[in-house]
N, C-alpha and C. Protein backbone atom coordinates (compact mmCIF):
# COMPACT_ATOMS: atom_id res chain seq x y z
N MET A 1 -170.25 -51.02 110.35
CA MET A 1 -168.84 -50.71 110.44
C MET A 1 -168.03 -51.94 110.86
N THR A 2 -166.76 -51.98 110.43
CA THR A 2 -165.90 -53.13 110.70
C THR A 2 -165.35 -53.07 112.12
N LYS A 3 -165.45 -54.22 112.82
CA LYS A 3 -164.87 -54.32 114.15
C LYS A 3 -163.61 -55.17 114.10
N GLU A 4 -162.61 -54.74 114.83
CA GLU A 4 -161.35 -55.47 114.92
C GLU A 4 -160.95 -55.59 116.38
N LYS A 5 -160.26 -56.69 116.70
CA LYS A 5 -159.66 -56.81 118.03
C LYS A 5 -158.23 -56.30 117.93
N LEU A 6 -157.89 -55.32 118.77
CA LEU A 6 -156.58 -54.69 118.73
C LEU A 6 -155.80 -54.99 120.01
N SER A 7 -154.48 -54.84 119.90
CA SER A 7 -153.59 -55.06 121.04
C SER A 7 -152.78 -53.79 121.27
N LEU A 8 -152.77 -53.31 122.49
CA LEU A 8 -152.06 -52.10 122.88
C LEU A 8 -150.88 -52.45 123.77
N THR A 9 -149.70 -51.89 123.46
CA THR A 9 -148.53 -52.00 124.34
C THR A 9 -147.97 -50.61 124.59
N LEU A 10 -147.21 -50.46 125.67
CA LEU A 10 -146.76 -49.14 126.12
C LEU A 10 -145.29 -49.15 126.51
N HIS A 11 -144.65 -48.01 126.32
CA HIS A 11 -143.37 -47.77 126.95
C HIS A 11 -143.22 -46.27 127.17
N ALA A 12 -142.26 -45.87 127.99
CA ALA A 12 -142.06 -44.47 128.33
C ALA A 12 -140.58 -44.18 128.38
N ALA A 13 -140.24 -42.90 128.29
CA ALA A 13 -138.83 -42.48 128.33
C ALA A 13 -138.72 -41.16 129.08
N GLY A 14 -137.67 -41.02 129.87
CA GLY A 14 -137.38 -39.75 130.53
C GLY A 14 -138.39 -39.31 131.56
N LEU A 15 -139.02 -40.27 132.26
CA LEU A 15 -139.97 -39.89 133.30
C LEU A 15 -139.27 -39.15 134.43
N LYS A 16 -140.02 -38.33 135.13
CA LYS A 16 -139.45 -37.61 136.28
C LYS A 16 -139.36 -38.55 137.48
N ASN A 17 -138.23 -38.54 138.14
CA ASN A 17 -138.06 -39.35 139.34
C ASN A 17 -138.77 -38.68 140.52
N ILE A 18 -139.79 -39.36 141.05
CA ILE A 18 -140.55 -38.79 142.17
C ILE A 18 -140.42 -39.65 143.42
N ALA A 19 -139.39 -40.51 143.45
CA ALA A 19 -139.21 -41.40 144.60
C ALA A 19 -138.88 -40.63 145.87
N GLY A 20 -138.29 -39.46 145.72
CA GLY A 20 -137.92 -38.68 146.89
C GLY A 20 -136.44 -38.79 147.21
N ALA A 21 -135.95 -37.86 148.00
CA ALA A 21 -134.53 -37.82 148.34
C ALA A 21 -134.11 -39.09 149.06
N PHE A 22 -132.98 -39.65 148.62
CA PHE A 22 -132.36 -40.83 149.22
C PHE A 22 -133.23 -42.08 149.14
N LYS A 23 -134.19 -42.09 148.23
CA LYS A 23 -135.08 -43.25 148.09
C LYS A 23 -134.93 -43.94 146.74
N GLY A 24 -133.85 -43.63 146.03
CA GLY A 24 -133.58 -44.33 144.78
C GLY A 24 -134.39 -43.78 143.62
N THR A 25 -134.79 -44.68 142.73
CA THR A 25 -135.48 -44.32 141.49
C THR A 25 -136.89 -44.88 141.51
N SER A 26 -137.81 -44.18 140.87
CA SER A 26 -139.21 -44.60 140.85
C SER A 26 -139.39 -45.99 140.23
N ASP A 27 -140.49 -46.64 140.62
CA ASP A 27 -140.86 -47.98 140.14
C ASP A 27 -142.18 -47.86 139.36
N PRO A 28 -142.13 -47.49 138.09
CA PRO A 28 -143.37 -47.15 137.38
C PRO A 28 -144.18 -48.33 136.86
N PHE A 29 -145.49 -48.15 136.86
CA PHE A 29 -146.41 -49.02 136.14
C PHE A 29 -147.48 -48.14 135.52
N ALA A 30 -148.27 -48.70 134.61
CA ALA A 30 -149.30 -47.91 133.91
C ALA A 30 -150.66 -48.56 134.05
N ILE A 31 -151.68 -47.72 134.15
CA ILE A 31 -153.08 -48.16 134.21
C ILE A 31 -153.78 -47.67 132.95
N VAL A 32 -154.47 -48.57 132.26
CA VAL A 32 -155.12 -48.25 130.98
C VAL A 32 -156.63 -48.28 131.15
N THR A 33 -157.29 -47.20 130.77
CA THR A 33 -158.74 -47.09 130.87
C THR A 33 -159.33 -46.75 129.52
N LEU A 34 -160.30 -47.54 129.07
CA LEU A 34 -161.04 -47.25 127.84
C LEU A 34 -162.15 -46.27 128.20
N LEU A 35 -162.08 -45.07 127.65
CA LEU A 35 -163.04 -44.02 128.01
C LEU A 35 -164.37 -44.23 127.31
N ALA A 36 -165.43 -43.71 127.92
CA ALA A 36 -166.77 -43.85 127.35
C ALA A 36 -166.87 -43.07 126.04
N SER A 37 -167.50 -43.68 125.03
CA SER A 37 -167.68 -43.01 123.74
C SER A 37 -169.11 -42.53 123.54
N ASP A 38 -170.03 -43.03 124.37
CA ASP A 38 -171.43 -42.61 124.30
C ASP A 38 -171.88 -42.14 125.68
N PRO A 39 -172.89 -41.25 125.73
CA PRO A 39 -173.35 -40.71 127.03
C PRO A 39 -173.77 -41.79 128.02
N GLY A 40 -174.31 -42.90 127.53
CA GLY A 40 -174.79 -43.95 128.44
C GLY A 40 -173.71 -44.91 128.90
N GLU A 41 -172.52 -44.78 128.36
CA GLU A 41 -171.45 -45.71 128.71
C GLU A 41 -170.64 -45.23 129.91
N LYS A 42 -169.92 -46.16 130.50
CA LYS A 42 -169.00 -45.84 131.58
C LYS A 42 -167.58 -46.22 131.17
N PRO A 43 -166.59 -45.50 131.69
CA PRO A 43 -165.20 -45.89 131.41
C PRO A 43 -164.94 -47.31 131.91
N ARG A 44 -164.05 -48.02 131.19
CA ARG A 44 -163.75 -49.40 131.56
C ARG A 44 -162.24 -49.57 131.70
N VAL A 45 -161.80 -49.98 132.89
CA VAL A 45 -160.37 -50.21 133.11
C VAL A 45 -159.97 -51.51 132.42
N LEU A 46 -159.02 -51.42 131.50
CA LEU A 46 -158.54 -52.61 130.79
C LEU A 46 -157.51 -53.38 131.60
N GLY A 47 -156.87 -52.70 132.53
CA GLY A 47 -155.90 -53.37 133.38
C GLY A 47 -154.69 -52.49 133.64
N LYS A 48 -153.66 -53.10 134.20
CA LYS A 48 -152.43 -52.37 134.46
C LYS A 48 -151.23 -53.23 134.08
N THR A 49 -150.13 -52.55 133.81
CA THR A 49 -148.90 -53.24 133.44
C THR A 49 -148.22 -53.79 134.69
N GLU A 50 -147.15 -54.53 134.44
CA GLU A 50 -146.28 -54.92 135.53
C GLU A 50 -145.50 -53.71 136.04
N VAL A 51 -145.01 -53.78 137.25
CA VAL A 51 -144.13 -52.75 137.81
C VAL A 51 -142.70 -53.05 137.38
N ILE A 52 -141.99 -52.02 136.92
CA ILE A 52 -140.58 -52.17 136.59
C ILE A 52 -139.78 -51.33 137.58
N LYS A 53 -138.91 -51.99 138.30
CA LYS A 53 -138.19 -51.35 139.40
C LYS A 53 -137.05 -50.45 138.89
N ASN A 54 -136.90 -49.33 139.56
CA ASN A 54 -135.72 -48.47 139.42
C ASN A 54 -135.42 -48.07 137.98
N THR A 55 -136.42 -47.52 137.30
CA THR A 55 -136.19 -47.04 135.94
C THR A 55 -137.10 -45.85 135.64
N LEU A 56 -136.60 -44.95 134.82
CA LEU A 56 -137.40 -43.81 134.35
C LEU A 56 -137.71 -43.94 132.87
N SER A 57 -137.33 -45.08 132.28
CA SER A 57 -137.64 -45.36 130.86
C SER A 57 -138.14 -46.79 130.74
N PRO A 58 -139.32 -47.08 131.32
CA PRO A 58 -139.81 -48.46 131.36
C PRO A 58 -140.32 -48.94 130.00
N LYS A 59 -140.04 -50.20 129.71
CA LYS A 59 -140.61 -50.87 128.54
C LYS A 59 -141.47 -52.02 129.06
N TRP A 60 -142.76 -51.74 129.24
CA TRP A 60 -143.65 -52.74 129.81
C TRP A 60 -143.96 -53.83 128.79
N THR A 61 -144.11 -55.05 129.26
CA THR A 61 -144.40 -56.18 128.38
C THR A 61 -145.89 -56.53 128.33
N THR A 62 -146.67 -56.02 129.27
CA THR A 62 -148.10 -56.31 129.31
C THR A 62 -148.80 -55.73 128.07
N SER A 63 -149.67 -56.52 127.46
CA SER A 63 -150.47 -56.04 126.33
C SER A 63 -151.95 -56.05 126.72
N PHE A 64 -152.72 -55.17 126.08
CA PHE A 64 -154.13 -55.01 126.40
C PHE A 64 -154.96 -55.22 125.14
N LEU A 65 -155.88 -56.17 125.20
CA LEU A 65 -156.76 -56.48 124.07
C LEU A 65 -158.10 -55.77 124.24
N PHE A 66 -158.62 -55.23 123.13
CA PHE A 66 -159.94 -54.60 123.17
C PHE A 66 -160.52 -54.57 121.76
N ASP A 67 -161.85 -54.44 121.69
CA ASP A 67 -162.54 -54.36 120.40
C ASP A 67 -162.62 -52.91 119.95
N TYR A 68 -162.39 -52.71 118.66
CA TYR A 68 -162.41 -51.36 118.10
C TYR A 68 -163.26 -51.36 116.83
N GLU A 69 -164.16 -50.38 116.75
CA GLU A 69 -165.01 -50.22 115.57
C GLU A 69 -164.45 -49.09 114.73
N PHE A 70 -163.93 -49.43 113.55
CA PHE A 70 -163.32 -48.43 112.69
C PHE A 70 -164.33 -47.35 112.33
N GLY A 71 -163.87 -46.11 112.38
CA GLY A 71 -164.74 -44.98 112.10
C GLY A 71 -165.39 -44.39 113.33
N THR A 72 -165.25 -45.07 114.48
CA THR A 72 -165.80 -44.57 115.73
C THR A 72 -164.67 -43.99 116.58
N GLU A 73 -164.81 -42.74 117.00
CA GLU A 73 -163.78 -42.10 117.80
C GLU A 73 -163.71 -42.78 119.17
N THR A 74 -162.56 -43.32 119.49
CA THR A 74 -162.37 -44.08 120.72
C THR A 74 -161.11 -43.59 121.42
N HIS A 75 -161.23 -43.30 122.71
CA HIS A 75 -160.10 -42.76 123.47
C HIS A 75 -159.73 -43.70 124.61
N ILE A 76 -158.43 -43.75 124.90
CA ILE A 76 -157.95 -44.45 126.08
C ILE A 76 -157.14 -43.48 126.92
N ASN A 77 -157.23 -43.65 128.22
CA ASN A 77 -156.41 -42.86 129.14
C ASN A 77 -155.35 -43.79 129.75
N VAL A 78 -154.11 -43.32 129.73
CA VAL A 78 -153.01 -44.08 130.32
C VAL A 78 -152.43 -43.25 131.46
N SER A 79 -152.48 -43.80 132.66
CA SER A 79 -151.91 -43.14 133.84
C SER A 79 -150.65 -43.88 134.25
N VAL A 80 -149.55 -43.16 134.41
CA VAL A 80 -148.30 -43.74 134.86
C VAL A 80 -148.16 -43.46 136.35
N VAL A 81 -147.84 -44.51 137.12
CA VAL A 81 -147.85 -44.42 138.58
C VAL A 81 -146.56 -45.01 139.13
N ASP A 82 -146.06 -44.39 140.18
CA ASP A 82 -144.89 -44.90 140.90
C ASP A 82 -145.37 -45.76 142.06
N GLU A 83 -145.00 -47.05 142.05
CA GLU A 83 -145.38 -47.93 143.15
C GLU A 83 -144.55 -47.58 144.38
N VAL A 84 -145.24 -47.36 145.50
CA VAL A 84 -144.57 -47.00 146.75
C VAL A 84 -144.91 -48.04 147.80
N ARG A 85 -143.89 -48.67 148.34
CA ARG A 85 -144.13 -49.65 149.40
C ARG A 85 -144.49 -48.95 150.70
N LYS A 86 -145.43 -49.54 151.44
CA LYS A 86 -145.84 -49.05 152.77
C LYS A 86 -146.40 -47.63 152.72
N SER A 87 -146.91 -47.20 151.56
CA SER A 87 -147.51 -45.88 151.44
C SER A 87 -148.37 -45.85 150.18
N SER A 88 -148.97 -44.71 149.91
CA SER A 88 -149.81 -44.57 148.72
C SER A 88 -148.94 -44.40 147.47
N ASP A 89 -149.36 -45.02 146.37
CA ASP A 89 -148.66 -44.85 145.10
C ASP A 89 -148.77 -43.40 144.64
N LYS A 90 -147.77 -42.97 143.85
CA LYS A 90 -147.72 -41.58 143.43
C LYS A 90 -147.91 -41.47 141.91
N PRO A 91 -148.78 -40.55 141.45
CA PRO A 91 -148.95 -40.36 140.00
C PRO A 91 -147.73 -39.70 139.38
N MET A 92 -147.34 -40.21 138.19
CA MET A 92 -146.20 -39.67 137.47
C MET A 92 -146.62 -38.93 136.20
N GLY A 93 -147.91 -38.98 135.88
CA GLY A 93 -148.41 -38.31 134.68
C GLY A 93 -149.41 -39.18 133.95
N SER A 94 -150.17 -38.57 133.07
CA SER A 94 -151.17 -39.31 132.28
C SER A 94 -151.34 -38.66 130.92
N ALA A 95 -151.90 -39.44 130.00
CA ALA A 95 -152.15 -38.94 128.64
C ALA A 95 -153.35 -39.66 128.06
N VAL A 96 -154.07 -38.97 127.19
CA VAL A 96 -155.22 -39.55 126.49
C VAL A 96 -154.84 -39.73 125.02
N PHE A 97 -155.08 -40.93 124.51
CA PHE A 97 -154.80 -41.26 123.11
C PHE A 97 -156.11 -41.59 122.39
N GLU A 98 -156.21 -41.17 121.13
CA GLU A 98 -157.34 -41.58 120.29
C GLU A 98 -156.85 -42.74 119.42
N ILE A 99 -157.60 -43.83 119.39
CA ILE A 99 -157.14 -45.06 118.75
C ILE A 99 -156.84 -44.85 117.27
N GLY A 100 -157.74 -44.18 116.56
CA GLY A 100 -157.52 -43.93 115.13
C GLY A 100 -156.27 -43.09 114.89
N ASP A 101 -155.97 -42.20 115.83
CA ASP A 101 -154.78 -41.35 115.73
C ASP A 101 -153.51 -42.21 115.84
N ILE A 102 -153.53 -43.19 116.75
CA ILE A 102 -152.38 -44.09 116.88
C ILE A 102 -152.22 -44.92 115.61
N LEU A 103 -153.32 -45.48 115.11
CA LEU A 103 -153.26 -46.32 113.92
C LEU A 103 -152.77 -45.55 112.70
N GLY A 104 -153.04 -44.25 112.66
CA GLY A 104 -152.62 -43.43 111.53
C GLY A 104 -151.22 -42.89 111.65
N SER A 105 -150.56 -43.14 112.79
CA SER A 105 -149.20 -42.64 113.01
C SER A 105 -148.18 -43.62 112.42
N ARG A 106 -146.96 -43.13 112.22
CA ARG A 106 -145.90 -43.95 111.64
C ARG A 106 -145.63 -45.16 112.53
N GLY A 107 -145.74 -46.34 111.94
CA GLY A 107 -145.53 -47.56 112.70
C GLY A 107 -146.62 -47.86 113.71
N SER A 108 -147.74 -47.16 113.62
CA SER A 108 -148.85 -47.28 114.58
C SER A 108 -148.37 -47.05 116.01
N VAL A 109 -147.46 -46.07 116.16
CA VAL A 109 -146.95 -45.68 117.46
C VAL A 109 -147.17 -44.18 117.63
N LYS A 110 -147.76 -43.78 118.75
CA LYS A 110 -148.02 -42.37 119.03
C LYS A 110 -147.36 -41.99 120.34
N ALA A 111 -146.71 -40.82 120.36
CA ALA A 111 -146.03 -40.32 121.57
C ALA A 111 -146.79 -39.14 122.14
N LYS A 112 -146.84 -39.08 123.46
CA LYS A 112 -147.45 -37.94 124.15
C LYS A 112 -146.51 -37.48 125.28
N LYS A 113 -146.26 -36.16 125.33
CA LYS A 113 -145.47 -35.60 126.42
C LYS A 113 -146.32 -35.56 127.69
N LEU A 114 -145.71 -35.89 128.81
CA LEU A 114 -146.39 -35.82 130.10
C LEU A 114 -146.04 -34.51 130.80
N LYS A 115 -147.03 -33.90 131.44
CA LYS A 115 -146.82 -32.61 132.08
C LYS A 115 -145.77 -32.68 133.18
N LYS A 116 -145.69 -33.81 133.86
CA LYS A 116 -144.74 -33.95 134.96
C LYS A 116 -143.35 -34.34 134.48
N GLY A 117 -143.21 -34.54 133.17
CA GLY A 117 -141.91 -34.89 132.62
C GLY A 117 -141.91 -36.26 131.98
N GLY A 118 -141.22 -36.36 130.83
CA GLY A 118 -141.11 -37.62 130.13
C GLY A 118 -142.09 -37.75 128.98
N THR A 119 -141.95 -38.84 128.25
CA THR A 119 -142.79 -39.11 127.08
C THR A 119 -143.35 -40.51 127.18
N LEU A 120 -144.63 -40.63 126.87
CA LEU A 120 -145.33 -41.91 126.89
C LEU A 120 -145.63 -42.33 125.46
N TYR A 121 -145.35 -43.59 125.14
CA TYR A 121 -145.54 -44.11 123.79
C TYR A 121 -146.58 -45.23 123.81
N ALA A 122 -147.53 -45.16 122.89
CA ALA A 122 -148.55 -46.20 122.75
C ALA A 122 -148.44 -46.83 121.37
N ARG A 123 -148.39 -48.16 121.34
CA ARG A 123 -148.32 -48.90 120.07
C ARG A 123 -149.55 -49.79 119.96
N ILE A 124 -150.15 -49.81 118.76
CA ILE A 124 -151.31 -50.66 118.53
C ILE A 124 -151.06 -51.54 117.31
N GLN A 125 -151.46 -52.79 117.42
CA GLN A 125 -151.44 -53.69 116.27
C GLN A 125 -152.71 -54.55 116.30
N LYS A 126 -153.06 -55.09 115.16
CA LYS A 126 -154.21 -55.98 115.11
C LYS A 126 -153.88 -57.28 115.83
N ALA A 127 -154.79 -57.74 116.64
CA ALA A 127 -154.60 -59.00 117.33
C ALA A 127 -154.77 -60.15 116.34
N ALA A 128 -154.03 -61.20 116.54
CA ALA A 128 -154.13 -62.36 115.65
C ALA A 128 -155.53 -62.96 115.72
N PRO A 129 -156.09 -63.39 114.58
CA PRO A 129 -157.47 -63.88 114.58
C PRO A 129 -157.66 -65.22 115.29
N ARG A 130 -156.57 -65.98 115.44
CA ARG A 130 -156.70 -67.29 116.09
C ARG A 130 -155.42 -67.60 116.86
N SER A 131 -155.52 -68.50 117.80
CA SER A 131 -154.39 -68.86 118.63
C SER A 131 -153.35 -69.64 117.81
N ALA A 132 -152.08 -69.33 118.06
CA ALA A 132 -150.98 -70.08 117.44
C ALA A 132 -150.29 -70.97 118.47
N GLY A 133 -150.88 -71.10 119.64
CA GLY A 133 -150.32 -71.97 120.66
C GLY A 133 -149.43 -71.24 121.63
N GLN A 134 -148.76 -72.01 122.46
CA GLN A 134 -147.90 -71.48 123.51
C GLN A 134 -146.48 -72.01 123.34
N LEU A 135 -145.51 -71.16 123.65
CA LEU A 135 -144.11 -71.57 123.69
C LEU A 135 -143.72 -71.79 125.14
N ALA A 136 -143.26 -73.00 125.45
CA ALA A 136 -142.81 -73.31 126.80
C ALA A 136 -141.29 -73.46 126.77
N LEU A 137 -140.61 -72.79 127.69
CA LEU A 137 -139.16 -72.90 127.73
C LEU A 137 -138.65 -72.69 129.14
N ARG A 138 -137.43 -73.17 129.34
CA ARG A 138 -136.74 -72.96 130.61
C ARG A 138 -135.28 -72.64 130.28
N LEU A 139 -134.78 -71.56 130.86
CA LEU A 139 -133.44 -71.09 130.56
C LEU A 139 -132.57 -71.08 131.81
N ARG A 140 -131.27 -71.24 131.58
CA ARG A 140 -130.30 -71.09 132.65
C ARG A 140 -129.08 -70.37 132.09
N GLY A 141 -128.32 -69.74 132.97
CA GLY A 141 -127.10 -69.07 132.59
C GLY A 141 -125.91 -69.68 133.31
N ILE A 142 -124.76 -69.65 132.68
CA ILE A 142 -123.55 -70.23 133.27
C ILE A 142 -122.43 -69.19 133.20
N LYS A 143 -121.87 -68.91 134.35
CA LYS A 143 -120.73 -68.00 134.47
C LYS A 143 -121.01 -66.65 133.80
N LEU A 144 -122.15 -66.05 134.15
CA LEU A 144 -122.48 -64.74 133.62
C LEU A 144 -121.53 -63.69 134.20
N LYS A 145 -121.38 -62.60 133.48
CA LYS A 145 -120.49 -61.53 133.93
C LYS A 145 -121.14 -60.77 135.08
N ASN A 146 -120.38 -60.53 136.14
CA ASN A 146 -120.87 -59.74 137.26
C ASN A 146 -120.70 -58.25 136.95
N VAL A 147 -121.78 -57.51 136.98
CA VAL A 147 -121.71 -56.08 136.66
C VAL A 147 -122.02 -55.22 137.89
N GLU A 148 -122.01 -55.84 139.07
CA GLU A 148 -122.37 -55.13 140.30
C GLU A 148 -121.16 -54.62 141.09
N GLY A 149 -119.95 -54.89 140.63
CA GLY A 149 -118.78 -54.44 141.37
C GLY A 149 -118.18 -55.54 142.22
N LEU A 150 -117.21 -55.18 143.08
CA LEU A 150 -116.42 -56.16 143.81
C LEU A 150 -117.18 -56.87 144.93
N PHE A 151 -118.09 -56.18 145.59
CA PHE A 151 -118.67 -56.71 146.82
C PHE A 151 -120.12 -57.17 146.66
N LYS A 152 -120.62 -57.22 145.44
CA LYS A 152 -121.99 -57.67 145.19
C LYS A 152 -122.01 -58.59 143.98
N LYS A 153 -123.09 -59.37 143.86
CA LYS A 153 -123.32 -60.18 142.67
C LYS A 153 -124.56 -59.66 141.94
N SER A 154 -124.56 -59.79 140.64
CA SER A 154 -125.69 -59.34 139.82
C SER A 154 -126.94 -60.17 140.12
N ASP A 155 -128.09 -59.57 139.82
CA ASP A 155 -129.40 -60.23 139.95
C ASP A 155 -129.97 -60.43 138.55
N PRO A 156 -129.54 -61.43 137.82
CA PRO A 156 -129.88 -61.52 136.38
C PRO A 156 -131.34 -61.87 136.11
N PHE A 157 -131.81 -61.37 134.99
CA PHE A 157 -133.12 -61.73 134.43
C PHE A 157 -132.93 -61.81 132.92
N PHE A 158 -133.94 -62.31 132.21
CA PHE A 158 -133.85 -62.32 130.75
C PHE A 158 -135.13 -61.77 130.14
N GLU A 159 -135.00 -61.32 128.89
CA GLU A 159 -136.14 -60.82 128.12
C GLU A 159 -136.26 -61.58 126.81
N LEU A 160 -137.49 -61.79 126.36
CA LEU A 160 -137.77 -62.24 125.00
C LEU A 160 -138.26 -61.03 124.22
N ARG A 161 -137.62 -60.77 123.07
CA ARG A 161 -137.91 -59.56 122.31
C ARG A 161 -138.31 -59.89 120.88
N ARG A 162 -139.08 -59.00 120.28
CA ARG A 162 -139.54 -59.16 118.91
C ARG A 162 -139.45 -57.84 118.16
N THR A 163 -139.60 -57.90 116.85
CA THR A 163 -139.72 -56.70 116.05
C THR A 163 -141.15 -56.62 115.51
N PHE A 164 -141.50 -55.45 114.97
CA PHE A 164 -142.82 -55.25 114.37
C PHE A 164 -142.66 -54.87 112.91
N ASP A 165 -143.68 -55.18 112.12
CA ASP A 165 -143.67 -54.80 110.71
C ASP A 165 -143.94 -53.31 110.56
N GLY A 166 -143.54 -52.76 109.40
CA GLY A 166 -143.86 -51.37 109.08
C GLY A 166 -142.76 -50.42 109.47
N PRO A 167 -142.94 -49.13 109.16
CA PRO A 167 -141.93 -48.10 109.45
C PRO A 167 -141.61 -48.02 110.94
N GLY A 168 -140.34 -47.95 111.25
CA GLY A 168 -139.93 -47.82 112.64
C GLY A 168 -140.09 -49.08 113.47
N GLY A 169 -140.42 -50.19 112.83
CA GLY A 169 -140.69 -51.42 113.58
C GLY A 169 -139.50 -52.33 113.73
N GLY A 170 -138.31 -51.89 113.33
CA GLY A 170 -137.15 -52.76 113.34
C GLY A 170 -136.48 -52.91 114.69
N ALA A 171 -136.84 -52.08 115.67
CA ALA A 171 -136.21 -52.16 116.98
C ALA A 171 -136.72 -53.38 117.74
N TRP A 172 -135.87 -53.94 118.59
CA TRP A 172 -136.27 -55.09 119.40
C TRP A 172 -137.07 -54.61 120.61
N ILE A 173 -138.29 -55.13 120.73
CA ILE A 173 -139.21 -54.72 121.78
C ILE A 173 -139.47 -55.91 122.71
N PRO A 174 -139.29 -55.74 124.03
CA PRO A 174 -139.54 -56.87 124.93
C PRO A 174 -141.02 -57.22 125.03
N VAL A 175 -141.32 -58.52 124.97
CA VAL A 175 -142.69 -58.99 125.15
C VAL A 175 -142.81 -59.92 126.36
N TYR A 176 -141.66 -60.30 126.92
CA TYR A 176 -141.67 -61.08 128.16
C TYR A 176 -140.40 -60.74 128.94
N ARG A 177 -140.55 -60.61 130.25
CA ARG A 177 -139.41 -60.34 131.12
C ARG A 177 -139.50 -61.27 132.33
N SER A 178 -138.44 -62.01 132.59
CA SER A 178 -138.45 -62.96 133.69
C SER A 178 -138.27 -62.25 135.03
N LYS A 179 -138.44 -63.01 136.08
CA LYS A 179 -138.10 -62.52 137.41
C LYS A 179 -136.59 -62.52 137.59
N HIS A 180 -136.10 -61.65 138.48
CA HIS A 180 -134.68 -61.64 138.80
C HIS A 180 -134.33 -62.84 139.67
N VAL A 181 -133.13 -63.36 139.46
CA VAL A 181 -132.57 -64.36 140.37
C VAL A 181 -131.48 -63.64 141.17
N LYS A 182 -131.68 -63.53 142.46
CA LYS A 182 -130.82 -62.69 143.30
C LYS A 182 -129.43 -63.29 143.49
N ASN A 183 -128.42 -62.43 143.34
CA ASN A 183 -127.04 -62.76 143.71
C ASN A 183 -126.56 -64.09 143.14
N ASN A 184 -126.70 -64.24 141.83
CA ASN A 184 -126.40 -65.54 141.23
C ASN A 184 -125.90 -65.34 139.81
N LEU A 185 -124.68 -65.80 139.53
CA LEU A 185 -124.11 -65.70 138.19
C LEU A 185 -124.30 -67.00 137.40
N ASN A 186 -124.97 -67.98 138.02
CA ASN A 186 -125.31 -69.24 137.34
C ASN A 186 -126.81 -69.51 137.55
N PRO A 187 -127.65 -68.58 137.09
CA PRO A 187 -129.08 -68.66 137.42
C PRO A 187 -129.81 -69.74 136.63
N THR A 188 -130.81 -70.33 137.27
CA THR A 188 -131.80 -71.16 136.57
C THR A 188 -133.15 -70.49 136.80
N TRP A 189 -133.71 -69.97 135.72
CA TRP A 189 -134.98 -69.26 135.84
C TRP A 189 -136.15 -70.23 135.85
N GLU A 190 -137.25 -69.78 136.39
CA GLU A 190 -138.46 -70.60 136.43
C GLU A 190 -138.96 -70.88 135.02
N PRO A 191 -139.60 -72.04 134.79
CA PRO A 191 -140.18 -72.31 133.48
C PRO A 191 -141.21 -71.25 133.11
N VAL A 192 -141.27 -70.90 131.83
CA VAL A 192 -142.21 -69.86 131.39
C VAL A 192 -143.01 -70.38 130.19
N THR A 193 -144.18 -69.80 130.02
CA THR A 193 -145.02 -70.08 128.86
C THR A 193 -145.41 -68.74 128.24
N VAL A 194 -145.15 -68.59 126.94
CA VAL A 194 -145.38 -67.33 126.25
C VAL A 194 -146.31 -67.58 125.06
N ASP A 195 -147.28 -66.69 124.89
CA ASP A 195 -148.18 -66.78 123.75
C ASP A 195 -147.42 -66.55 122.45
N VAL A 196 -147.53 -67.48 121.51
CA VAL A 196 -146.77 -67.38 120.25
C VAL A 196 -147.22 -66.18 119.42
N ASN A 197 -148.50 -65.84 119.46
CA ASN A 197 -148.96 -64.66 118.73
C ASN A 197 -148.31 -63.39 119.27
N GLN A 198 -148.18 -63.31 120.57
CA GLN A 198 -147.55 -62.13 121.18
C GLN A 198 -146.08 -62.05 120.81
N LEU A 199 -145.45 -63.20 120.67
CA LEU A 199 -144.02 -63.24 120.40
C LEU A 199 -143.67 -63.00 118.93
N CYS A 200 -144.51 -63.52 118.01
CA CYS A 200 -144.14 -63.44 116.59
C CYS A 200 -145.33 -63.42 115.64
N ASP A 201 -146.51 -63.09 116.16
CA ASP A 201 -147.74 -63.08 115.34
C ASP A 201 -148.03 -64.43 114.71
N GLY A 202 -147.54 -65.49 115.34
CA GLY A 202 -147.77 -66.83 114.81
C GLY A 202 -146.86 -67.21 113.66
N ASP A 203 -145.94 -66.32 113.28
CA ASP A 203 -145.01 -66.58 112.19
C ASP A 203 -143.78 -67.29 112.75
N LEU A 204 -143.69 -68.60 112.56
CA LEU A 204 -142.62 -69.38 113.16
C LEU A 204 -141.27 -69.15 112.50
N ASP A 205 -141.25 -68.42 111.38
CA ASP A 205 -139.99 -68.08 110.73
C ASP A 205 -139.45 -66.71 111.16
N ARG A 206 -140.23 -65.99 111.95
CA ARG A 206 -139.79 -64.67 112.41
C ARG A 206 -138.73 -64.82 113.50
N LYS A 207 -137.69 -64.03 113.43
CA LYS A 207 -136.63 -64.09 114.44
C LYS A 207 -137.10 -63.45 115.74
N VAL A 208 -136.66 -64.04 116.84
CA VAL A 208 -136.88 -63.45 118.16
C VAL A 208 -135.51 -63.33 118.83
N GLN A 209 -135.44 -62.49 119.83
CA GLN A 209 -134.17 -62.24 120.52
C GLN A 209 -134.32 -62.59 122.00
N VAL A 210 -133.33 -63.30 122.52
CA VAL A 210 -133.24 -63.57 123.95
C VAL A 210 -132.10 -62.72 124.50
N ALA A 211 -132.38 -61.88 125.48
CA ALA A 211 -131.36 -60.97 126.00
C ALA A 211 -131.38 -60.98 127.52
């Protein structure tokens, strides 16, 4: 059977806020586990996404690479968790996806409703067969608009976004998100290095968006 290296990315919408009264909005992240497909195997944690603060519709930029054998039923479990400072993290819901089911869905994106509220989306694409190098850049902003009101300054960050081929792939999806620069309308962000395959599949003519 044919083996391929695949890349998984995740986003969610309409999650239930479980931060608690007067504690703002949840800070979700996701943990991805490759479930055992044979009796002798053990589940393998592929990793976890970054934490996105104060949102119930996170678009995580972390991608997960794994080997997939076509024709073999393979499942992943995705657990969404609210990061809690100075206490235990709280589960926000989980879903199990079958890899072939995602690949057979429109745009290779599959949605699952979470029992605790919200929808989790899993996208899979084939990983590039070889490295296309790294993009190194450094950005700054000048006289950005303050959207925090009269007595505060914005904490700006930027995203690098891409589109995907196929049905439903025209939306801009973030693949990198910078750190916030606190209280600054003229920010200089730290230098970053981004994998070119992750940004544009190695296609240097593909448009990318900076937002």
